Amino acid sequence: LIGPFVDITARREVEERLRFLSTLDEKLRDAPDASAAMADAAELLGRHVRASRCAYATVEDDYNAFDILADYTAPGVATTVGSYSL
């Protein structure tokens, strides 16, 4: 068998990223409020990158503390919601 071969790995990666962004766009557009949008985004991103945890937080003006408002965690992983000092 002789013939041309084309590596489509990069193309498939781009298609997967576009599918993820399309799904994220759809979920965020349908979110009833900012908290729901952040929760949906954290879950989708965590699942997409196969992370055990994906959280979002607010940071104090002096950058010495932050509050994790909510997080997505994989099954069996403890939440990190809470206040933290640096």
PDB file of N, CA and C in Angstrom:
ATOM      1  N   LEU A   1       0.850  -1.177   0.000  1.00  0.00           N
ATOM      2  CA  LEU A   1       0.000   0.000   0.000  1.00  0.00           C
ATOM      3  C   LEU A   1       0.891   1.234   0.000  1.00  0.00           C
ATOM      4  N   ILE A   2       0.739   2.034  -0.980  1.00  0.00           N
ATOM      5  CA  ILE A   2       1.500   3.273  -1.084  1.00  0.00           C
ATOM      6  C   ILE A   2       0.506   4.388  -1.353  1.00  0.00           C
ATOM      7  N   GLY A   3       0.675   5.468  -0.624  1.00  0.00           N
ATOM      8  CA  GLY A   3      -0.208   6.600  -0.826  1.00  0.00           C
ATOM      9  C   GLY A   3       0.126   7.707   0.145  1.00  0.00           C
ATOM     10  N   PRO A   4      -0.468   8.872  -0.025  1.00  0.00           N
ATOM     11  CA  PRO A   4      -0.186   9.999   0.880  1.00  0.00           C
ATOM     12  C   PRO A   4      -0.924   9.819   2.204  1.00  0.00           C
ATOM     13  N   PHE A   5      -0.272  10.224   3.277  1.00  0.00           N
ATOM     14  CA  PHE A   5      -0.887  10.205   4.597  1.00  0.00           C
ATOM     15  C   PHE A   5      -0.837  11.615   5.167  1.00  0.00           C
ATOM     16  N   VAL A   6      -1.896  11.990   5.830  1.00  0.00           N
ATOM     17  CA  VAL A   6      -1.983  13.325   6.424  1.00  0.00           C
ATOM     18  C   VAL A   6      -2.250  13.154   7.910  1.00  0.00           C
ATOM     19  N   ASP A   7      -1.414  13.785   8.729  1.00  0.00           N
ATOM     20  CA  ASP A   7      -1.604  13.756  10.180  1.00  0.00           C
ATOM     21  C   ASP A   7      -2.686  14.775  10.540  1.00  0.00           C
ATOM     22  N   ILE A   8      -3.795  14.300  11.072  1.00  0.00           N
ATOM     23  CA  ILE A   8      -4.908  15.192  11.409  1.00  0.00           C
ATOM     24  C   ILE A   8      -5.033  15.417  12.909  1.00  0.00           C
ATOM     25  N   THR A   9      -3.984  15.100  13.657  1.00  0.00           N
ATOM     26  CA  THR A   9      -4.010  15.270  15.112  1.00  0.00           C
ATOM     27  C   THR A   9      -4.320  16.711  15.501  1.00  0.00           C
ATOM     28  N   ALA A  10      -3.608  17.654  14.918  1.00  0.00           N
ATOM     29  CA  ALA A  10      -3.819  19.066  15.255  1.00  0.00           C
ATOM     30  C   ALA A  10      -5.242  19.503  14.926  1.00  0.00           C
ATOM     31  N   ARG A  11      -5.748  19.037  13.800  1.00  0.00           N
ATOM     32  CA  ARG A  11      -7.112  19.402  13.409  1.00  0.00           C
ATOM     33  C   ARG A  11      -8.123  18.867  14.420  1.00  0.00           C
ATOM     34  N   ARG A  12      -7.934  17.636  14.863  1.00  0.00           N
ATOM     35  CA  ARG A  12      -8.864  17.060  15.845  1.00  0.00           C
ATOM     36  C   ARG A  12      -8.801  17.809  17.169  1.00  0.00           C
ATOM     37  N   GLU A  13      -7.612  18.245  17.569  1.00  0.00           N
ATOM     38  CA  GLU A  13      -7.473  19.027  18.802  1.00  0.00           C
ATOM     39  C   GLU A  13      -8.228  20.347  18.688  1.00  0.00           C
ATOM     40  N   VAL A  14      -8.122  21.000  17.561  1.00  0.00           N
ATOM     41  CA  VAL A  14      -8.834  22.257  17.342  1.00  0.00           C
ATOM     42  C   VAL A  14     -10.340  22.013  17.364  1.00  0.00           C
ATOM     43  N   GLU A  15     -10.801  20.951  16.727  1.00  0.00           N
ATOM     44  CA  GLU A  15     -12.237  20.635  16.723  1.00  0.00           C
ATOM     45  C   GLU A  15     -12.744  20.363  18.129  1.00  0.00           C
ATOM     46  N   GLU A  16     -11.952  19.665  18.937  1.00  0.00           N
ATOM     47  CA  GLU A  16     -12.341  19.385  20.328  1.00  0.00           C
ATOM     48  C   GLU A  16     -12.427  20.682  21.130  1.00  0.00           C
ATOM     49  N   ARG A  17     -11.498  21.571  20.942  1.00  0.00           N
ATOM     50  CA  ARG A  17     -11.536  22.862  21.643  1.00  0.00           C
ATOM     51  C   ARG A  17     -12.742  23.679  21.223  1.00  0.00           C
ATOM     52  N   LEU A  18     -13.053  23.664  19.944  1.00  0.00           N
ATOM     53  CA  LEU A  18     -14.223  24.397  19.471  1.00  0.00           C
ATOM     54  C   LEU A  18     -15.516  23.815  20.024  1.00  0.00           C
ATOM     55  N   ARG A  19     -15.605  22.485  20.124  1.00  0.00           N
ATOM     56  CA  ARG A  19     -16.788  21.854  20.727  1.00  0.00           C
ATOM     57  C   ARG A  19     -16.925  22.284  22.184  1.00  0.00           C
ATOM     58  N   PHE A  20     -15.789  22.293  22.912  1.00  0.00           N
ATOM     59  CA  PHE A  20     -15.812  22.714  24.313  1.00  0.00           C
ATOM     60  C   PHE A  20     -16.297  24.162  24.427  1.00  0.00           C
ATOM     61  N   LEU A  21     -15.739  25.056  23.620  1.00  0.00           N
ATOM     62  CA  LEU A  21     -16.135  26.460  23.682  1.00  0.00           C
ATOM     63  C   LEU A  21     -17.595  26.649  23.310  1.00  0.00           C
ATOM     64  N   SER A  22     -18.090  25.888  22.365  1.00  0.00           N
ATOM     65  CA  SER A  22     -19.498  25.970  21.982  1.00  0.00           C
ATOM     66  C   SER A  22     -20.401  25.516  23.135  1.00  0.00           C
ATOM     67  N   THR A  23     -20.024  24.429  23.787  1.00  0.00           N
ATOM     68  CA  THR A  23     -20.787  23.935  24.938  1.00  0.00           C
ATOM     69  C   THR A  23     -20.764  24.955  26.068  1.00  0.00           C
ATOM     70  N   LEU A  24     -19.587  25.515  26.336  1.00  0.00           N
ATOM     71  CA  LEU A  24     -19.453  26.524  27.383  1.00  0.00           C
ATOM     72  C   LEU A  24     -20.317  27.736  27.064  1.00  0.00           C
ATOM     73  N   ASP A  25     -20.275  28.203  25.841  1.00  0.00           N
ATOM     74  CA  ASP A  25     -21.087  29.337  25.424  1.00  0.00           C
ATOM     75  C   ASP A  25     -22.572  29.073  25.644  1.00  0.00           C
ATOM     76  N   GLU A  26     -23.013  27.902  25.258  1.00  0.00           N
ATOM     77  CA  GLU A  26     -24.428  27.538  25.411  1.00  0.00           C
ATOM     78  C   GLU A  26     -24.840  27.508  26.878  1.00  0.00           C
ATOM     79  N   LYS A  27     -24.017  26.878  27.728  1.00  0.00           N
ATOM     80  CA  LYS A  27     -24.335  26.792  29.160  1.00  0.00           C
ATOM     81  C   LYS A  27     -24.362  28.171  29.804  1.00  0.00           C
ATOM     82  N   LEU A  28     -23.383  29.012  29.468  1.00  0.00           N
ATOM     83  CA  LEU A  28     -23.310  30.327  30.095  1.00  0.00           C
ATOM     84  C   LEU A  28     -24.444  31.228  29.621  1.00  0.00           C
ATOM     85  N   ARG A  29     -24.822  31.093  28.379  1.00  0.00           N
ATOM     86  CA  ARG A  29     -25.923  31.892  27.849  1.00  0.00           C
ATOM     87  C   ARG A  29     -27.229  31.555  28.559  1.00  0.00           C
ATOM     88  N   ASP A  30     -27.404  30.290  28.923  1.00  0.00           N
ATOM     89  CA  ASP A  30     -28.648  29.850  29.550  1.00  0.00           C
ATOM     90  C   ASP A  30     -28.643  29.976  31.071  1.00  0.00           C
ATOM     91  N   ALA A  31     -27.525  30.382  31.666  1.00  0.00           N
ATOM     92  CA  ALA A  31     -27.438  30.479  33.129  1.00  0.00           C
ATOM     93  C   ALA A  31     -28.355  31.594  33.637  1.00  0.00           C
ATOM     94  N   PRO A  32     -29.073  31.315  34.725  1.00  0.00           N
ATOM     95  CA  PRO A  32     -30.011  32.319  35.238  1.00  0.00           C
ATOM     96  C   PRO A  32     -29.339  33.492  35.957  1.00  0.00           C
ATOM     97  N   ASP A  33     -28.106  33.288  36.463  1.00  0.00           N
ATOM     98  CA  ASP A  33     -27.401  34.362  37.153  1.00  0.00           C
ATOM     99  C   ASP A  33     -25.893  34.082  37.149  1.00  0.00           C
ATOM    100  N   ALA A  34     -25.125  35.035  37.685  1.00  0.00           N
ATOM    101  CA  ALA A  34     -23.661  34.926  37.655  1.00  0.00           C
ATOM    102  C   ALA A  34     -23.158  33.721  38.443  1.00  0.00           C
ATOM    103  N   SER A  35     -23.775  33.414  39.563  1.00  0.00           N
ATOM    104  CA  SER A  35     -23.333  32.268  40.370  1.00  0.00           C
ATOM    105  C   SER A  35     -23.524  30.956  39.613  1.00  0.00           C
ATOM    106  N   ALA A  36     -24.638  30.823  38.960  1.00  0.00           N
ATOM    107  CA  ALA A  36     -24.888  29.615  38.167  1.00  0.00           C
ATOM    108  C   ALA A  36     -23.920  29.535  36.991  1.00  0.00           C
ATOM    109  N   ALA A  37     -23.622  30.670  36.371  1.00  0.00           N
ATOM    110  CA  ALA A  37     -22.680  30.686  35.254  1.00  0.00           C
ATOM    111  C   ALA A  37     -21.291  30.244  35.713  1.00  0.00           C
ATOM    112  N   MET A  38     -20.847  30.732  36.851  1.00  0.00           N
ATOM    113  CA  MET A  38     -19.532  30.349  37.365  1.00  0.00           C
ATOM    114  C   MET A  38     -19.497  28.865  37.730  1.00  0.00           C
ATOM    115  N   ALA A  39     -20.559  28.369  38.339  1.00  0.00           N
ATOM    116  CA  ALA A  39     -20.613  26.949  38.693  1.00  0.00           C
ATOM    117  C   ALA A  39     -20.584  26.074  37.442  1.00  0.00           C
ATOM    118  N   ASP A  40     -21.341  26.454  36.430  1.00  0.00           N
ATOM    119  CA  ASP A  40     -21.344  25.699  35.170  1.00  0.00           C
ATOM    120  C   ASP A  40     -19.975  25.742  34.501  1.00  0.00           C
ATOM    121  N   ALA A  41     -19.365  26.930  34.489  1.00  0.00           N
ATOM    122  CA  ALA A  41     -18.047  27.076  33.859  1.00  0.00           C
ATOM    123  C   ALA A  41     -17.001  26.233  34.588  1.00  0.00           C
ATOM    124  N   ALA A  42     -17.027  26.242  35.921  1.00  0.00           N
ATOM    125  CA  ALA A  42     -16.057  25.458  36.700  1.00  0.00           C
ATOM    126  C   ALA A  42     -16.226  23.968  36.422  1.00  0.00           C
ATOM    127  N   GLU A  43     -17.459  23.503  36.382  1.00  0.00           N
ATOM    128  CA  GLU A  43     -17.692  22.080  36.119  1.00  0.00           C
ATOM    129  C   GLU A  43     -17.247  21.692  34.711  1.00  0.00           C
ATOM    130  N   LEU A  44     -17.652  22.473  33.725  1.00  0.00           N
ATOM    131  CA  LEU A  44     -17.280  22.151  32.342  1.00  0.00           C
ATOM    132  C   LEU A  44     -15.765  22.175  32.154  1.00  0.00           C
ATOM    133  N   LEU A  45     -15.104  23.188  32.704  1.00  0.00           N
ATOM    134  CA  LEU A  45     -13.658  23.269  32.568  1.00  0.00           C
ATOM    135  C   LEU A  45     -12.973  22.124  33.305  1.00  0.00           C
ATOM    136  N   GLY A  46     -13.425  21.836  34.522  1.00  0.00           N
ATOM    137  CA  GLY A  46     -12.839  20.729  35.276  1.00  0.00           C
ATOM    138  C   GLY A  46     -12.961  19.402  34.551  1.00  0.00           C
ATOM    139  N   ARG A  47     -14.126  19.143  34.012  1.00  0.00           N
ATOM    140  CA  ARG A  47     -14.323  17.898  33.259  1.00  0.00           C
ATOM    141  C   ARG A  47     -13.505  17.890  31.964  1.00  0.00           C
ATOM    142  N   HIS A  48     -13.443  19.034  31.288  1.00  0.00           N
ATOM    143  CA  HIS A  48     -12.729  19.116  30.013  1.00  0.00           C
ATOM    144  C   HIS A  48     -11.240  18.828  30.179  1.00  0.00           C
ATOM    145  N   VAL A  49     -10.638  19.368  31.208  1.00  0.00           N
ATOM    146  CA  VAL A  49      -9.201  19.154  31.409  1.00  0.00           C
ATOM    147  C   VAL A  49      -8.922  17.972  32.334  1.00  0.00           C
ATOM    148  N   ARG A  50      -9.986  17.262  32.706  1.00  0.00           N
ATOM    149  CA  ARG A  50      -9.893  16.087  33.573  1.00  0.00           C
ATOM    150  C   ARG A  50      -9.201  16.400  34.898  1.00  0.00           C
ATOM    151  N   ALA A  51      -9.588  17.541  35.477  1.00  0.00           N
ATOM    152  CA  ALA A  51      -9.044  17.962  36.768  1.00  0.00           C
ATOM    153  C   ALA A  51      -9.882  17.367  37.889  1.00  0.00           C
ATOM    154  N   SER A  52      -9.264  17.141  39.016  1.00  0.00           N
ATOM    155  CA  SER A  52     -10.016  16.634  40.164  1.00  0.00           C
ATOM    156  C   SER A  52     -10.767  17.766  40.856  1.00  0.00           C
ATOM    157  N   ARG A  53     -10.351  19.005  40.590  1.00  0.00           N
ATOM    158  CA  ARG A  53     -10.981  20.155  41.239  1.00  0.00           C
ATOM    159  C   ARG A  53     -10.821  21.375  40.345  1.00  0.00           C
ATOM    160  N   CYS A  54     -11.875  22.186  40.296  1.00  0.00           N
ATOM    161  CA  CYS A  54     -11.829  23.457  39.575  1.00  0.00           C
ATOM    162  C   CYS A  54     -12.668  24.442  40.375  1.00  0.00           C
ATOM    163  N   ALA A  55     -12.040  25.505  40.857  1.00  0.00           N
ATOM    164  CA  ALA A  55     -12.726  26.438  41.757  1.00  0.00           C
ATOM    165  C   ALA A  55     -12.649  27.858  41.221  1.00  0.00           C
ATOM    166  N   TYR A  56     -13.478  28.716  41.793  1.00  0.00           N
ATOM    167  CA  TYR A  56     -13.380  30.140  41.497  1.00  0.00           C
ATOM    168  C   TYR A  56     -13.470  30.904  42.797  1.00  0.00           C
ATOM    169  N   ALA A  57     -12.785  32.047  42.833  1.00  0.00           N
ATOM    170  CA  ALA A  57     -12.632  32.774  44.095  1.00  0.00           C
ATOM    171  C   ALA A  57     -12.620  34.279  43.871  1.00  0.00           C
ATOM    172  N   THR A  58     -12.828  34.998  44.952  1.00  0.00           N
ATOM    173  CA  THR A  58     -12.595  36.431  44.975  1.00  0.00           C
ATOM    174  C   THR A  58     -11.313  36.662  45.755  1.00  0.00           C
ATOM    175  N   VAL A  59     -10.550  37.676  45.370  1.00  0.00           N
ATOM    176  CA  VAL A  59      -9.288  37.991  46.017  1.00  0.00           C
ATOM    177  C   VAL A  59      -9.427  39.354  46.684  1.00  0.00           C
ATOM    178  N   GLU A  60      -8.937  39.448  47.920  1.00  0.00           N
ATOM    179  CA  GLU A  60      -8.990  40.718  48.647  1.00  0.00           C
ATOM    180  C   GLU A  60      -8.113  41.754  47.953  1.00  0.00           C
ATOM    181  N   ASP A  61      -8.434  43.020  48.157  1.00  0.00           N
ATOM    182  CA  ASP A  61      -7.693  44.105  47.504  1.00  0.00           C
ATOM    183  C   ASP A  61      -6.203  44.097  47.828  1.00  0.00           C
ATOM    184  N   ASP A  62      -5.831  43.638  49.022  1.00  0.00           N
ATOM    185  CA  ASP A  62      -4.411  43.618  49.401  1.00  0.00           C
ATOM    186  C   ASP A  62      -3.702  42.333  48.953  1.00  0.00           C
ATOM    187  N   TYR A  63      -4.432  41.445  48.295  1.00  0.00           N
ATOM    188  CA  TYR A  63      -3.903  40.172  47.777  1.00  0.00           C
ATOM    189  C   TYR A  63      -3.405  39.234  48.874  1.00  0.00           C
ATOM    190  N   ASN A  64      -3.825  39.454  50.104  1.00  0.00           N
ATOM    191  CA  ASN A  64      -3.369  38.613  51.217  1.00  0.00           C
ATOM    192  C   ASN A  64      -4.384  37.549  51.614  1.00  0.00           C
ATOM    193  N   ALA A  65      -5.538  37.568  50.990  1.00  0.00           N
ATOM    194  CA  ALA A  65      -6.566  36.580  51.324  1.00  0.00           C
ATOM    195  C   ALA A  65      -7.471  36.386  50.114  1.00  0.00           C
ATOM    196  N   PHE A  66      -8.112  35.229  50.090  1.00  0.00           N
ATOM    197  CA  PHE A  66      -9.080  34.968  49.032  1.00  0.00           C
ATOM    198  C   PHE A  66     -10.167  34.044  49.566  1.00  0.00           C
ATOM    199  N   ASP A  67     -11.317  34.115  48.941  1.00  0.00           N
ATOM    200  CA  ASP A  67     -12.462  33.287  49.305  1.00  0.00           C
ATOM    201  C   ASP A  67     -12.838  32.430  48.108  1.00  0.00           C
ATOM    202  N   ILE A  68     -12.764  31.118  48.269  1.00  0.00           N
ATOM    203  CA  ILE A  68     -13.255  30.216  47.225  1.00  0.00           C
ATOM    204  C   ILE A  68     -14.757  30.129  47.410  1.00  0.00           C
ATOM    205  N   LEU A  69     -15.478  30.621  46.436  1.00  0.00           N
ATOM    206  CA  LEU A  69     -16.936  30.729  46.540  1.00  0.00           C
ATOM    207  C   LEU A  69     -17.638  29.414  46.247  1.00  0.00           C
ATOM    208  N   ALA A  70     -17.118  28.669  45.310  1.00  0.00           N
ATOM    209  CA  ALA A  70     -17.695  27.376  44.947  1.00  0.00           C
ATOM    210  C   ALA A  70     -16.668  26.631  44.114  1.00  0.00           C
ATOM    211  N   ASP A  71     -16.869  25.334  43.982  1.00  0.00           N
ATOM    212  CA  ASP A  71     -15.947  24.559  43.168  1.00  0.00           C
ATOM    213  C   ASP A  71     -16.628  23.327  42.599  1.00  0.00           C
ATOM    214  N   TYR A  72     -16.026  22.820  41.535  1.00  0.00           N
ATOM    215  CA  TYR A  72     -16.406  21.524  40.987  1.00  0.00           C
ATOM    216  C   TYR A  72     -15.351  20.551  41.493  1.00  0.00           C
ATOM    217  N   THR A  73     -15.779  19.422  41.999  1.00  0.00           N
ATOM    218  CA  THR A  73     -14.832  18.397  42.420  1.00  0.00           C
ATOM    219  C   THR A  73     -15.254  17.061  41.831  1.00  0.00           C
ATOM    220  N   ALA A  74     -14.251  16.271  41.480  1.00  0.00           N
ATOM    221  CA  ALA A  74     -14.509  14.922  40.993  1.00  0.00           C
ATOM    222  C   ALA A  74     -15.050  14.086  42.151  1.00  0.00           C
ATOM    223  N   PRO A  75     -15.724  12.997  41.854  1.00  0.00           N
ATOM    224  CA  PRO A  75     -16.237  12.136  42.924  1.00  0.00           C
ATOM    225  C   PRO A  75     -15.118  11.727  43.897  1.00  0.00           C
ATOM    226  N   GLY A  76     -15.423  11.863  45.189  1.00  0.00           N
ATOM    227  CA  GLY A  76     -14.470  11.468  46.217  1.00  0.00           C
ATOM    228  C   GLY A  76     -13.460  12.537  46.595  1.00  0.00           C
ATOM    229  N   VAL A  77     -13.512  13.703  45.938  1.00  0.00           N
ATOM    230  CA  VAL A  77     -12.576  14.789  46.231  1.00  0.00           C
ATOM    231  C   VAL A  77     -13.286  15.818  47.112  1.00  0.00           C
ATOM    232  N   ALA A  78     -12.627  16.227  48.192  1.00  0.00           N
ATOM    233  CA  ALA A  78     -13.221  17.181  49.128  1.00  0.00           C
ATOM    234  C   ALA A  78     -13.260  18.581  48.520  1.00  0.00           C
ATOM    235  N   THR A  79     -14.267  19.328  48.886  1.00  0.00           N
ATOM    236  CA  THR A  79     -14.398  20.709  48.430  1.00  0.00           C
ATOM    237  C   THR A  79     -13.329  21.591  49.082  1.00  0.00           C
ATOM    238  N   THR A  80     -13.025  22.705  48.433  1.00  0.00           N
ATOM    239  CA  THR A  80     -12.078  23.680  48.990  1.00  0.00           C
ATOM    240  C   THR A  80     -12.759  25.000  49.294  1.00  0.00           C
ATOM    241  N   VAL A  81     -14.079  25.026  49.260  1.00  0.00           N
ATOM    242  CA  VAL A  81     -14.822  26.252  49.524  1.00  0.00           C
ATOM    243  C   VAL A  81     -14.460  26.767  50.915  1.00  0.00           C
ATOM    244  N   GLY A  82     -14.157  28.059  50.989  1.00  0.00           N
ATOM    245  CA  GLY A  82     -13.816  28.663  52.264  1.00  0.00           C
ATOM    246  C   GLY A  82     -12.927  29.872  52.076  1.00  0.00           C
ATOM    247  N   SER A  83     -12.491  30.436  53.197  1.00  0.00           N
ATOM    248  CA  SER A  83     -11.633  31.623  53.214  1.00  0.00           C
ATOM    249  C   SER A  83     -10.211  31.203  53.527  1.00  0.00           C
ATOM    250  N   TYR A  84      -9.249  31.823  52.839  1.00  0.00           N
ATOM    251  CA  TYR A  84      -7.843  31.487  53.014  1.00  0.00           C
ATOM    252  C   TYR A  84      -7.005  32.756  53.082  1.00  0.00           C
ATOM    253  N   SER A  85      -5.970  32.712  53.910  1.00  0.00           N
ATOM    254  CA  SER A  85      -5.004  33.803  54.010  1.00  0.00           C
ATOM    255  C   SER A  85      -3.699  33.360  53.397  1.00  0.00           C
ATOM    256  N   LEU A  86      -2.979  34.307  52.821  1.00  0.00           N
ATOM    257  CA  LEU A  86      -1.680  33.974  52.233  1.00  0.00           C
ATOM    258  C   LEU A  86      -0.565  34.264  53.204  1.00  0.00           C
TER     259      LEU A  86
END
